């Protein structure tokens, strides 16, 4: 009976005399044996080194990221991930040196006990949204849902080929974006540009300064029509009560230095409105009336 085998050392085919033969010659068998012994010694040495390292670490209270990885039996990249996700606390003591306390490692392990994963059949599907339900309810794209839930670690489960997202976490995430339900009329930025002749930067500044309610639907931003019109009307009324430096120069035929000199000498209050300095007309007119 001929047994055709492949030599485990040189890889050449040969006819074996026994079914347990793995090498084609005594030389290959000898080389294979030496290789196995060498690998075994290396494994033993690595095990001894690991035991020595762990015995040294047992007496330490502070660890580098590499030492913490050795202590926990994980990779250094995983330690960086735990620190980045605020699951493990670390302290930076220099530009190139950070340390982790043993107490913080123990605290992380203590506050994050193992929890049995619930079987999918036991899950109450009413506690979860599908991506389509989130998109329809909060007017966002499914691409945005995927990116946002991944970035903010929103709990989810996968049943067959569909993802389901925790209702509690999704509703809490969108709570800060909720607007008054009584607001029914909204401007788009293009409509504001056409009506008031403002740039996009000026619109954002107006919204920020006056705390104008806004909402976002399917990537499109909207601003409350009521609040924006009120802010513009109050701005016009306010302008009627104030001079800018340029307006005072033109009305009274003064230089810029003269205007600032009058404001400083008579201690007239000034305020910054955007990039313009303005002051009350009644106070400046009173001073100019005395001077006439």
Protein backbone atom coordinates (compact mmCIF):
# COMPACT_ATOMS: atom_id res chain seq x y z
CA UNK A 1 0.00 0.00 0.00
CA UNK A 2 1.44 3.33 -1.09
CA UNK A 3 0.67 6.45 0.91
CA UNK A 4 1.29 9.67 -0.98
CA UNK A 5 2.17 12.57 1.35
CA UNK A 6 3.60 16.11 1.19
CA UNK A 7 6.70 16.75 3.29
CA UNK A 8 5.86 19.23 6.05
CA UNK A 9 9.35 20.75 5.91
CA UNK A 10 10.41 20.97 2.26
CA UNK A 11 6.95 20.63 0.68
CA UNK A 12 7.94 17.92 -1.78
CA UNK A 13 5.66 14.93 -2.48
CA UNK A 14 6.92 11.49 -1.39
CA UNK A 15 5.73 7.91 -0.79
CA UNK A 16 5.37 7.29 2.97
CA UNK A 17 5.92 3.85 4.54
CA UNK A 18 3.55 4.71 7.40
CA UNK A 19 0.41 6.80 7.62
CA UNK A 20 2.00 8.78 10.46
CA UNK A 21 5.09 9.80 8.46
CA UNK A 22 5.22 13.56 7.83
CA UNK A 23 8.72 14.07 6.40
CA UNK A 24 10.35 12.77 3.25
CA UNK A 25 13.80 12.16 4.80
CA UNK A 26 15.70 12.00 8.06
CA UNK A 27 17.20 15.42 7.34
CA UNK A 28 13.75 17.05 6.95
CA UNK A 29 12.52 15.28 10.09
CA UNK A 30 15.55 16.59 12.01
CA UNK A 31 14.98 20.14 10.76
CA UNK A 32 11.28 19.92 11.63
CA UNK A 33 12.07 18.73 15.13
CA UNK A 34 14.57 21.56 15.71
CA UNK A 35 12.01 24.09 14.49
CA UNK A 36 9.34 22.76 16.86
CA UNK A 37 11.74 22.88 19.81
CA UNK A 38 12.77 26.44 18.91
CA UNK A 39 9.13 27.57 18.72
CA UNK A 40 8.39 25.91 22.05
CA UNK A 41 11.34 27.66 23.73
CA UNK A 42 10.20 31.03 22.32
CA UNK A 43 6.67 30.49 23.63
CA UNK A 44 8.05 29.54 27.04
CA UNK A 45 10.30 32.60 27.09
CA UNK A 46 7.40 34.91 26.10
CA UNK A 47 5.26 33.37 28.83
CA UNK A 48 8.01 33.91 31.42
CA UNK A 49 8.51 37.52 30.25
CA UNK A 50 4.76 38.12 30.53
CA UNK A 51 4.69 36.68 34.06
CA UNK A 52 7.66 38.86 35.07
CA UNK A 53 6.03 42.00 33.59
CA UNK A 54 2.73 41.31 35.34
CA UNK A 55 4.48 40.66 38.64
CA UNK A 56 6.22 44.04 38.33
CA UNK A 57 2.97 45.78 37.35
CA UNK A 58 1.20 44.32 40.38
CA UNK A 59 3.25 46.66 42.58
CA UNK A 60 2.64 49.78 40.46
CA UNK A 61 -0.13 52.37 40.92
CA UNK A 62 0.52 54.27 37.68
CA UNK A 63 0.86 52.87 34.16
CA UNK A 64 1.70 54.03 30.67
CA UNK A 65 -0.78 53.07 27.95
CA UNK A 66 1.46 50.14 26.93
CA UNK A 67 1.73 48.90 30.52
CA UNK A 68 -2.03 49.22 31.03
CA UNK A 69 -2.55 47.14 27.88
CA UNK A 70 -0.18 44.45 29.20
CA UNK A 71 -1.92 44.45 32.58
CA UNK A 72 -5.39 44.05 31.04
CA UNK A 73 -4.28 41.68 28.29
CA UNK A 74 -5.50 43.91 25.45
CA UNK A 75 -3.85 45.94 22.70
CA UNK A 76 -2.56 49.47 23.22
CA UNK A 77 -4.96 50.71 20.53
CA UNK A 78 -7.87 49.41 22.60
CA UNK A 79 -6.63 51.41 25.62
CA UNK A 80 -6.55 54.54 23.43
CA UNK A 81 -10.12 53.76 22.33
CA UNK A 82 -11.33 53.43 25.94
CA UNK A 83 -9.73 56.78 26.84
CA UNK A 84 -11.15 58.51 23.75
CA UNK A 85 -14.66 57.26 24.55
CA UNK A 86 -14.31 58.52 28.18
CA UNK A 87 -14.68 55.00 29.52
CA UNK A 88 -11.21 55.06 31.07
CA UNK A 89 -9.64 58.13 32.64
CA UNK A 90 -6.06 59.13 31.77
CA UNK A 91 -3.84 62.09 32.70
CA UNK A 92 -1.42 63.87 30.36
CA UNK A 93 1.72 64.89 32.22
CA UNK A 94 3.71 66.09 29.19
CA UNK A 95 3.43 66.42 25.44
CA UNK A 96 4.57 62.81 24.97
CA UNK A 97 3.63 61.14 28.22
CA UNK A 98 0.24 60.09 29.59
CA UNK A 99 -0.49 57.82 32.55
CA UNK A 100 -3.42 55.80 33.87
CA UNK A 101 -4.05 55.12 37.54
CA UNK A 102 -4.72 51.59 38.76
CA UNK A 103 -7.70 53.01 40.69
CA UNK A 104 -9.24 54.30 37.43
CA UNK A 105 -8.88 50.88 35.78
CA UNK A 106 -10.56 49.21 38.75
CA UNK A 107 -13.28 51.88 38.79
CA UNK A 108 -14.01 51.32 35.07
CA UNK A 109 -14.31 47.56 35.61
CA UNK A 110 -16.48 48.07 38.69
CA UNK A 111 -18.91 50.55 37.10
CA UNK A 112 -19.29 48.54 33.89
CA UNK A 113 -20.36 45.04 34.98
CA UNK A 114 -21.11 42.36 32.44
CA UNK A 115 -24.69 42.45 31.19
CA UNK A 116 -26.31 39.56 29.44
CA UNK A 117 -27.40 40.47 25.94
CA UNK A 118 -31.11 40.15 25.48
CA UNK A 119 -32.31 37.60 22.98
CA UNK A 120 -33.86 39.30 19.96
CA UNK A 121 -37.12 37.44 20.51
CA UNK A 122 -37.36 39.00 23.99
CA UNK A 123 -36.98 42.57 22.69
CA UNK A 124 -39.97 44.90 22.66
CA UNK A 125 -39.78 46.28 19.15
CA UNK A 126 -41.99 49.23 20.16
CA UNK A 127 -38.98 50.60 22.09
CA UNK A 128 -37.09 51.08 18.83
CA UNK A 129 -37.31 53.20 15.67
CA UNK A 130 -36.43 52.12 12.17
CA UNK A 131 -34.34 54.56 10.12
CA UNK A 132 -37.43 55.31 8.00
CA UNK A 133 -39.46 56.23 11.10
CA UNK A 134 -36.72 58.58 12.36
CA UNK A 135 -36.44 60.19 8.92
CA UNK A 136 -40.20 60.73 8.70
CA UNK A 137 -40.63 62.03 12.27
CA UNK A 138 -37.60 64.34 12.50
CA UNK A 139 -37.17 65.23 8.80
CA UNK A 140 -33.58 64.06 8.45
CA UNK A 141 -31.87 61.93 5.83
CA UNK A 142 -31.01 58.28 6.47
CA UNK A 143 -27.36 59.05 5.73
CA UNK A 144 -27.42 61.61 8.57
CA UNK A 145 -29.06 59.04 10.87
CA UNK A 146 -26.31 56.51 10.17
CA UNK A 147 -23.53 59.05 10.85
CA UNK A 148 -25.16 60.59 13.94
CA UNK A 149 -26.07 57.32 15.66
CA UNK A 150 -22.59 55.94 15.05
CA UNK A 151 -20.86 59.09 16.33
CA UNK A 152 -23.00 59.31 19.48
CA UNK A 153 -23.14 55.56 20.22
CA UNK A 154 -26.95 55.37 20.02
CA UNK A 155 -27.95 51.80 21.06
CA UNK A 156 -29.24 49.73 18.18
CA UNK A 157 -30.07 46.17 17.28
CA UNK A 158 -30.08 44.39 13.95
CA UNK A 159 -32.89 42.02 13.08
CA UNK A 160 -32.40 40.31 9.75
CA UNK A 161 -31.18 43.10 7.42
CA UNK A 162 -32.77 46.04 9.32
CA UNK A 163 -31.32 48.31 12.01
CA UNK A 164 -33.52 49.42 14.93
CA UNK A 165 -32.51 52.43 17.07
CA UNK A 166 -33.46 53.05 20.72
CA UNK A 167 -36.45 55.40 20.91
CA UNK A 168 -35.41 56.77 24.29
CA UNK A 169 -31.98 57.83 23.05
CA UNK A 170 -33.19 59.19 19.70
CA UNK A 171 -35.97 61.28 21.30
CA UNK A 172 -33.51 62.65 23.87
CA UNK A 173 -31.04 63.55 21.11
CA UNK A 174 -33.67 65.52 19.17
CA UNK A 175 -35.26 67.16 22.23
CA UNK A 176 -32.81 70.08 22.02
CA UNK A 177 -33.94 70.77 18.44
CA UNK A 178 -37.66 70.97 19.25
CA UNK A 179 -39.39 74.25 18.35
CA UNK A 180 -42.64 75.83 19.44
CA UNK A 181 -45.53 74.00 17.75
CA UNK A 182 -47.38 77.33 17.39
CA UNK A 183 -44.81 78.54 14.87
CA UNK A 184 -46.23 77.74 11.46
CA UNK A 185 -44.52 80.26 9.14
CA UNK A 186 -40.86 79.95 8.26
CA UNK A 187 -38.30 81.69 6.05
CA UNK A 188 -35.68 79.92 3.98
CA UNK A 189 -32.33 81.75 3.72
CA UNK A 190 -33.10 82.48 0.06
CA UNK A 191 -36.36 84.21 0.98
CA UNK A 192 -34.60 86.39 3.58
CA UNK A 193 -31.91 87.30 1.05
CA UNK A 194 -34.57 88.36 -1.44
CA UNK A 195 -36.68 90.34 1.09
CA UNK A 196 -33.98 92.07 3.14
CA UNK A 197 -30.96 91.93 0.81
CA UNK A 198 -28.81 90.21 3.43
CA UNK A 199 -25.89 87.86 2.90
CA UNK A 200 -25.81 84.35 4.39
CA UNK A 201 -23.24 85.51 6.97
CA UNK A 202 -25.45 88.47 7.97
CA UNK A 203 -28.46 86.16 8.32
CA UNK A 204 -26.59 83.81 10.63
CA UNK A 205 -25.36 86.77 12.69
CA UNK A 206 -28.92 88.16 12.97
CA UNK A 207 -30.24 84.76 14.08
CA UNK A 208 -27.47 84.33 16.66
CA UNK A 209 -27.77 87.84 18.15
CA UNK A 210 -31.56 87.73 18.47
CA UNK A 211 -31.92 84.03 19.39
CA UNK A 212 -34.33 83.43 16.49
CA UNK A 213 -35.89 79.91 16.49
CA UNK A 214 -34.78 77.71 13.62
CA UNK A 215 -35.35 74.17 12.43
CA UNK A 216 -33.75 71.80 9.97
CA UNK A 217 -35.67 69.46 7.70
CA UNK A 218 -34.01 67.15 5.18
CA UNK A 219 -30.85 69.28 5.25
CA UNK A 220 -32.71 72.58 4.66
CA UNK A 221 -32.56 75.28 7.37
CA UNK A 222 -35.64 77.38 8.22
CA UNK A 223 -35.99 80.50 10.41
CA UNK A 224 -39.12 81.68 12.23
CA UNK A 225 -40.81 84.33 10.10
CA UNK A 226 -42.42 86.04 13.10
CA UNK A 227 -39.19 86.36 15.09
CA UNK A 228 -37.07 87.44 12.11
CA UNK A 229 -39.50 90.19 11.08
CA UNK A 230 -39.71 91.43 14.69
CA UNK A 231 -35.93 91.55 14.98
CA UNK A 232 -35.66 93.58 11.77
CA UNK A 233 -38.45 96.00 12.77
CA UNK A 234 -36.96 96.58 16.23
CA UNK A 235 -33.59 97.08 14.55
CA UNK A 236 -35.06 99.78 12.30
CA UNK A 237 -36.70 101.51 15.29
CA UNK A 238 -33.41 101.34 17.16
CA UNK A 239 -31.54 102.87 14.23
CA UNK A 240 -33.91 105.86 14.27
CA UNK A 241 -32.79 106.69 17.83
CA UNK A 242 -29.02 106.41 17.21
CA UNK A 243 -26.28 108.02 15.15
CA UNK A 244 -23.42 106.08 13.70
CA UNK A 245 -20.07 107.88 13.51
CA UNK A 246 -20.47 108.24 9.74
CA UNK A 247 -23.99 109.71 10.07
CA UNK A 248 -22.80 112.26 12.65
CA UNK A 249 -19.87 113.23 10.40
CA UNK A 250 -22.16 113.81 7.41
CA UNK A 251 -24.84 115.71 9.37
CA UNK A 252 -22.56 118.06 11.30
CA UNK A 253 -19.68 118.23 8.78
CA UNK A 254 -17.16 116.87 11.29
CA UNK A 255 -14.10 114.72 10.94
CA UNK A 256 -13.98 111.24 12.48
CA UNK A 257 -11.50 112.41 15.13
CA UNK A 258 -13.79 115.33 16.02
CA UNK A 259 -16.76 113.03 16.55
CA UNK A 260 -14.75 110.71 18.82
CA UNK A 261 -13.35 113.74 20.65
CA UNK A 262 -16.86 115.07 21.40
CA UNK A 263 -18.02 111.65 22.57
CA UNK A 264 -15.06 111.31 24.92
CA UNK A 265 -15.10 114.91 26.25
CA UNK A 266 -18.85 114.94 27.00
CA UNK A 267 -18.82 111.31 28.15
CA UNK A 268 -21.54 110.21 25.75
CA UNK A 269 -22.20 106.48 26.01
CA UNK A 270 -21.26 104.44 22.96
CA UNK A 271 -22.09 100.88 21.99
CA UNK A 272 -20.86 98.49 19.34
CA UNK A 273 -23.53 97.28 16.91
CA UNK A 274 -21.97 94.77 14.56
CA UNK A 275 -18.99 96.64 13.05
CA UNK A 276 -20.48 100.09 13.72
CA UNK A 277 -20.19 102.36 16.77
CA UNK A 278 -23.42 104.15 17.61
CA UNK A 279 -24.69 106.60 20.24
CA UNK A 280 -27.97 108.28 21.17
CA UNK A 281 -29.08 111.10 18.88
CA UNK A 282 -30.66 113.12 21.69
CA UNK A 283 -27.39 113.33 23.65
CA UNK A 284 -25.27 114.24 20.64
CA UNK A 285 -27.83 116.79 19.37
CA UNK A 286 -27.88 118.43 22.83
CA UNK A 287 -24.10 118.82 22.80
CA UNK A 288 -24.07 120.16 19.26
CA UNK A 289 -26.86 122.58 20.15
CA UNK A 290 -24.74 124.02 22.97
CA UNK A 291 -21.83 124.43 20.62
CA UNK A 292 -23.86 126.33 18.00
